[in-house]
Amino acid sequence: MIRANLVAERIAIESYREMVRYFAQHDPTTRTMLEGILAMEETHADGLSNLLHPEST
């Protein structure tokens, strides 16, 4: 289940990165909001990865 959640987090991270790239040119306020969400998603993914591979922390 942790592995499946990590995969989902990585998909979400890539989606947010694409949205950040798009909004960088069109809407800096939305871009900033998405960057904050992206940072949280990356933190979640790091936590899940650490659960799967505790020796790499």
PDB file of N, CA and C in Angstrom:
ATOM      1  N   MET A   1       0.818  -1.180   0.000  1.00  0.00           N
ATOM      2  CA  MET A   1       0.000   0.000   0.000  1.00  0.00           C
ATOM      3  C   MET A   1       0.874   1.262   0.000  1.00  0.00           C
ATOM      4  N   ILE A   2       1.958   1.227   0.746  1.00  0.00           N
ATOM      5  CA  ILE A   2       2.862   2.383   0.771  1.00  0.00           C
ATOM      6  C   ILE A   2       3.445   2.618  -0.614  1.00  0.00           C
ATOM      7  N   ARG A   3       3.839   1.531  -1.277  1.00  0.00           N
ATOM      8  CA  ARG A   3       4.413   1.662  -2.614  1.00  0.00           C
ATOM      9  C   ARG A   3       3.398   2.272  -3.580  1.00  0.00           C
ATOM     10  N   ALA A   4       2.141   1.839  -3.505  1.00  0.00           N
ATOM     11  CA  ALA A   4       1.093   2.383  -4.381  1.00  0.00           C
ATOM     12  C   ALA A   4       0.885   3.869  -4.095  1.00  0.00           C
ATOM     13  N   ASN A   5       0.916   4.242  -2.825  1.00  0.00           N
ATOM     14  CA  ASN A   5       0.770   5.656  -2.474  1.00  0.00           C
ATOM     15  C   ASN A   5       1.944   6.482  -2.986  1.00  0.00           C
ATOM     16  N   LEU A   6       3.141   5.913  -2.928  1.00  0.00           N
ATOM     17  CA  LEU A   6       4.316   6.615  -3.434  1.00  0.00           C
ATOM     18  C   LEU A   6       4.200   6.838  -4.945  1.00  0.00           C
ATOM     19  N   VAL A   7       3.737   5.828  -5.656  1.00  0.00           N
ATOM     20  CA  VAL A   7       3.527   5.978  -7.106  1.00  0.00           C
ATOM     21  C   VAL A   7       2.525   7.098  -7.372  1.00  0.00           C
ATOM     22  N   ALA A   8       1.425   7.106  -6.613  1.00  0.00           N
ATOM     23  CA  ALA A   8       0.412   8.153  -6.788  1.00  0.00           C
ATOM     24  C   ALA A   8       0.988   9.535  -6.479  1.00  0.00           C
ATOM     25  N   GLU A   9       1.809   9.631  -5.448  1.00  0.00           N
ATOM     26  CA  GLU A   9       2.450  10.912  -5.118  1.00  0.00           C
ATOM     27  C   GLU A   9       3.344  11.378  -6.262  1.00  0.00           C
ATOM     28  N   ARG A  10       4.086  10.459  -6.830  1.00  0.00           N
ATOM     29  CA  ARG A  10       4.990  10.838  -7.930  1.00  0.00           C
ATOM     30  C   ARG A  10       4.212  11.299  -9.157  1.00  0.00           C
ATOM     31  N   ILE A  11       3.077  10.681  -9.412  1.00  0.00           N
ATOM     32  CA  ILE A  11       2.223  11.125 -10.517  1.00  0.00           C
ATOM     33  C   ILE A  11       1.698  12.525 -10.223  1.00  0.00           C
ATOM     34  N   ALA A  12       1.259  12.741  -8.990  1.00  0.00           N
ATOM     35  CA  ALA A  12       0.763  14.065  -8.603  1.00  0.00           C
ATOM     36  C   ALA A  12       1.865  15.111  -8.724  1.00  0.00           C
ATOM     37  N   ILE A  13       3.072  14.755  -8.296  1.00  0.00           N
ATOM     38  CA  ILE A  13       4.205  15.683  -8.375  1.00  0.00           C
ATOM     39  C   ILE A  13       4.457  16.103  -9.813  1.00  0.00           C
ATOM     40  N   GLU A  14       4.460  15.153 -10.720  1.00  0.00           N
ATOM     41  CA  GLU A  14       4.699  15.496 -12.128  1.00  0.00           C
ATOM     42  C   GLU A  14       3.570  16.374 -12.670  1.00  0.00           C
ATOM     43  N   SER A  15       2.338  16.087 -12.271  1.00  0.00           N
ATOM     44  CA  SER A  15       1.200  16.909 -12.709  1.00  0.00           C
ATOM     45  C   SER A  15       1.342  18.343 -12.206  1.00  0.00           C
ATOM     46  N   TYR A  16       1.711  18.497 -10.928  1.00  0.00           N
ATOM     47  CA  TYR A  16       1.899  19.846 -10.383  1.00  0.00           C
ATOM     48  C   TYR A  16       3.065  20.556 -11.059  1.00  0.00           C
ATOM     49  N   ARG A  17       4.131  19.839 -11.365  1.00  0.00           N
ATOM     50  CA  ARG A  17       5.257  20.474 -12.073  1.00  0.00           C
ATOM     51  C   ARG A  17       4.821  21.004 -13.429  1.00  0.00           C
ATOM     52  N   GLU A  18       4.020  20.230 -14.137  1.00  0.00           N
ATOM     53  CA  GLU A  18       3.519  20.682 -15.443  1.00  0.00           C
ATOM     54  C   GLU A  18       2.635  21.916 -15.286  1.00  0.00           C
ATOM     55  N   MET A  19       1.781  21.920 -14.258  1.00  0.00           N
ATOM     56  CA  MET A  19       0.919  23.084 -14.041  1.00  0.00           C
ATOM     57  C   MET A  19       1.744  24.314 -13.673  1.00  0.00           C
ATOM     58  N   VAL A  20       2.777  24.130 -12.852  1.00  0.00           N
ATOM     59  CA  VAL A  20       3.651  25.252 -12.485  1.00  0.00           C
ATOM     60  C   VAL A  20       4.290  25.835 -13.739  1.00  0.00           C
ATOM     61  N   ARG A  21       4.790  24.971 -14.624  1.00  0.00           N
ATOM     62  CA  ARG A  21       5.403  25.462 -15.870  1.00  0.00           C
ATOM     63  C   ARG A  21       4.397  26.242 -16.707  1.00  0.00           C
ATOM     64  N   TYR A  22       3.172  25.747 -16.797  1.00  0.00           N
ATOM     65  CA  TYR A  22       2.146  26.430 -17.586  1.00  0.00           C
ATOM     66  C   TYR A  22       1.811  27.794 -16.983  1.00  0.00           C
ATOM     67  N   PHE A  23       1.522  27.814 -15.689  1.00  0.00           N
ATOM     68  CA  PHE A  23       1.081  29.054 -15.058  1.00  0.00           C
ATOM     69  C   PHE A  23       2.202  30.057 -14.854  1.00  0.00           C
ATOM     70  N   ALA A  24       3.436  29.646 -14.982  1.00  0.00           N
ATOM     71  CA  ALA A  24       4.560  30.577 -14.837  1.00  0.00           C
ATOM     72  C   ALA A  24       4.419  31.744 -15.809  1.00  0.00           C
ATOM     73  N   GLN A  25       3.895  31.480 -16.985  1.00  0.00           N
ATOM     74  CA  GLN A  25       3.753  32.521 -18.009  1.00  0.00           C
ATOM     75  C   GLN A  25       2.400  33.232 -17.961  1.00  0.00           C
ATOM     76  N   HIS A  26       1.403  32.605 -17.346  1.00  0.00           N
ATOM     77  CA  HIS A  26       0.039  33.123 -17.451  1.00  0.00           C
ATOM     78  C   HIS A  26      -0.535  33.690 -16.157  1.00  0.00           C
ATOM     79  N   ASP A  27      -0.123  33.142 -15.021  1.00  0.00           N
ATOM     80  CA  ASP A  27      -0.748  33.540 -13.765  1.00  0.00           C
ATOM     81  C   ASP A  27       0.221  33.281 -12.608  1.00  0.00           C
ATOM     82  N   PRO A  28       1.049  34.260 -12.264  1.00  0.00           N
ATOM     83  CA  PRO A  28       2.054  34.042 -11.217  1.00  0.00           C
ATOM     84  C   PRO A  28       1.462  33.724  -9.844  1.00  0.00           C
ATOM     85  N   THR A  29       0.268  34.218  -9.550  1.00  0.00           N
ATOM     86  CA  THR A  29      -0.352  33.928  -8.257  1.00  0.00           C
ATOM     87  C   THR A  29      -0.710  32.444  -8.155  1.00  0.00           C
ATOM     88  N   THR A  30      -1.317  31.916  -9.209  1.00  0.00           N
ATOM     89  CA  THR A  30      -1.654  30.492  -9.233  1.00  0.00           C
ATOM     90  C   THR A  30      -0.386  29.658  -9.223  1.00  0.00           C
ATOM     91  N   ARG A  31       0.627  30.096  -9.952  1.00  0.00           N
ATOM     92  CA  ARG A  31       1.901  29.380  -9.960  1.00  0.00           C
ATOM     93  C   ARG A  31       2.462  29.267  -8.549  1.00  0.00           C
ATOM     94  N   THR A  32       2.433  30.354  -7.799  1.00  0.00           N
ATOM     95  CA  THR A  32       2.955  30.356  -6.432  1.00  0.00           C
ATOM     96  C   THR A  32       2.168  29.390  -5.550  1.00  0.00           C
ATOM     97  N   MET A  33       0.846  29.384  -5.681  1.00  0.00           N
ATOM     98  CA  MET A  33       0.020  28.467  -4.913  1.00  0.00           C
ATOM     99  C   MET A  33       0.366  27.009  -5.253  1.00  0.00           C
ATOM    100  N   LEU A  34       0.513  26.729  -6.537  1.00  0.00           N
ATOM    101  CA  LEU A  34       0.845  25.373  -6.974  1.00  0.00           C
ATOM    102  C   LEU A  34       2.233  24.954  -6.499  1.00  0.00           C
ATOM    103  N   GLU A  35       3.166  25.890  -6.449  1.00  0.00           N
ATOM    104  CA  GLU A  35       4.503  25.573  -5.936  1.00  0.00           C
ATOM    105  C   GLU A  35       4.440  25.140  -4.473  1.00  0.00           C
ATOM    106  N   GLY A  36       3.557  25.768  -3.697  1.00  0.00           N
ATOM    107  CA  GLY A  36       3.379  25.372  -2.304  1.00  0.00           C
ATOM    108  C   GLY A  36       2.806  23.967  -2.194  1.00  0.00           C
ATOM    109  N   ILE A  37       1.811  23.663  -3.014  1.00  0.00           N
ATOM    110  CA  ILE A  37       1.224  22.321  -3.021  1.00  0.00           C
ATOM    111  C   ILE A  37       2.263  21.306  -3.470  1.00  0.00           C
ATOM    112  N   LEU A  38       3.030  21.654  -4.486  1.00  0.00           N
ATOM    113  CA  LEU A  38       4.081  20.770  -4.987  1.00  0.00           C
ATOM    114  C   LEU A  38       5.085  20.451  -3.884  1.00  0.00           C
ATOM    115  N   ALA A  39       5.459  21.441  -3.109  1.00  0.00           N
ATOM    116  CA  ALA A  39       6.412  21.217  -2.017  1.00  0.00           C
ATOM    117  C   ALA A  39       5.842  20.234  -0.994  1.00  0.00           C
ATOM    118  N   MET A  40       4.548  20.359  -0.683  1.00  0.00           N
ATOM    119  CA  MET A  40       3.922  19.417   0.252  1.00  0.00           C
ATOM    120  C   MET A  40       3.900  18.001  -0.322  1.00  0.00           C
ATOM    121  N   GLU A  41       3.576  17.880  -1.605  1.00  0.00           N
ATOM    122  CA  GLU A  41       3.546  16.564  -2.245  1.00  0.00           C
ATOM    123  C   GLU A  41       4.943  15.927  -2.233  1.00  0.00           C
ATOM    124  N   GLU A  42       5.971  16.741  -2.479  1.00  0.00           N
ATOM    125  CA  GLU A  42       7.334  16.215  -2.454  1.00  0.00           C
ATOM    126  C   GLU A  42       7.717  15.748  -1.051  1.00  0.00           C
ATOM    127  N   THR A  43       7.259  16.476  -0.033  1.00  0.00           N
ATOM    128  CA  THR A  43       7.509  16.063   1.350  1.00  0.00           C
ATOM    129  C   THR A  43       6.809  14.742   1.649  1.00  0.00           C
ATOM    130  N   HIS A  44       5.568  14.609   1.190  1.00  0.00           N
ATOM    131  CA  HIS A  44       4.833  13.355   1.379  1.00  0.00           C
ATOM    132  C   HIS A  44       5.563  12.193   0.698  1.00  0.00           C
ATOM    133  N   ALA A  45       6.020  12.424  -0.526  1.00  0.00           N
ATOM    134  CA  ALA A  45       6.722  11.369  -1.265  1.00  0.00           C
ATOM    135  C   ALA A  45       8.021  10.985  -0.556  1.00  0.00           C
ATOM    136  N   ASP A  46       8.725  11.969  -0.033  1.00  0.00           N
ATOM    137  CA  ASP A  46       9.957  11.673   0.708  1.00  0.00           C
ATOM    138  C   ASP A  46       9.663  10.808   1.932  1.00  0.00           C
ATOM    139  N   GLY A  47       8.591  11.135   2.645  1.00  0.00           N
ATOM    140  CA  GLY A  47       8.217  10.352   3.814  1.00  0.00           C
ATOM    141  C   GLY A  47       7.867   8.916   3.462  1.00  0.00           C
ATOM    142  N   LEU A  48       7.117   8.738   2.384  1.00  0.00           N
ATOM    143  CA  LEU A  48       6.766   7.388   1.952  1.00  0.00           C
ATOM    144  C   LEU A  48       8.007   6.620   1.507  1.00  0.00           C
ATOM    145  N   SER A  49       8.889   7.299   0.785  1.00  0.00           N
ATOM    146  CA  SER A  49      10.125   6.655   0.340  1.00  0.00           C
ATOM    147  C   SER A  49      10.964   6.220   1.535  1.00  0.00           C
ATOM    148  N   ASN A  50      11.013   7.063   2.563  1.00  0.00           N
ATOM    149  CA  ASN A  50      11.762   6.722   3.769  1.00  0.00           C
ATOM    150  C   ASN A  50      11.175   5.507   4.486  1.00  0.00           C
ATOM    151  N   LEU A  51       9.854   5.360   4.421  1.00  0.00           N
ATOM    152  CA  LEU A  51       9.225   4.178   5.017  1.00  0.00           C
ATOM    153  C   LEU A  51       9.603   2.916   4.265  1.00  0.00           C
ATOM    154  N   LEU A  52       9.722   3.033   2.937  1.00  0.00           N
ATOM    155  CA  LEU A  52      10.073   1.867   2.117  1.00  0.00           C
ATOM    156  C   LEU A  52      11.559   1.557   2.177  1.00  0.00           C
ATOM    157  N   HIS A  53      12.381   2.591   2.319  1.00  0.00           N
ATOM    158  CA  HIS A  53      13.844   2.429   2.303  1.00  0.00           C
ATOM    159  C   HIS A  53      14.463   3.174   3.476  1.00  0.00           C
ATOM    160  N   PRO A  54      14.249   2.718   4.692  1.00  0.00           N
ATOM    161  CA  PRO A  54      14.745   3.462   5.863  1.00  0.00           C
ATOM    162  C   PRO A  54      16.278   3.554   5.917  1.00  0.00           C
ATOM    163  N   GLU A  55      16.975   2.664   5.249  1.00  0.00           N
ATOM    164  CA  GLU A  55      18.451   2.695   5.293  1.00  0.00           C
ATOM    165  C   GLU A  55      19.024   3.859   4.495  1.00  0.00           C
ATOM    166  N   SER A  56      18.235   4.472   3.621  1.00  0.00           N
ATOM    167  CA  SER A  56      18.755   5.567   2.793  1.00  0.00           C
ATOM    168  C   SER A  56      18.495   6.932   3.411  1.00  0.00           C
ATOM    169  N   THR A  57      18.030   6.985   4.658  1.00  0.00           N
ATOM    170  CA  THR A  57      17.768   8.292   5.285  1.00  0.00           C
ATOM    171  C   THR A  57      18.961   8.800   6.035  1.00  0.00           C
TER     172      THR A  57
END
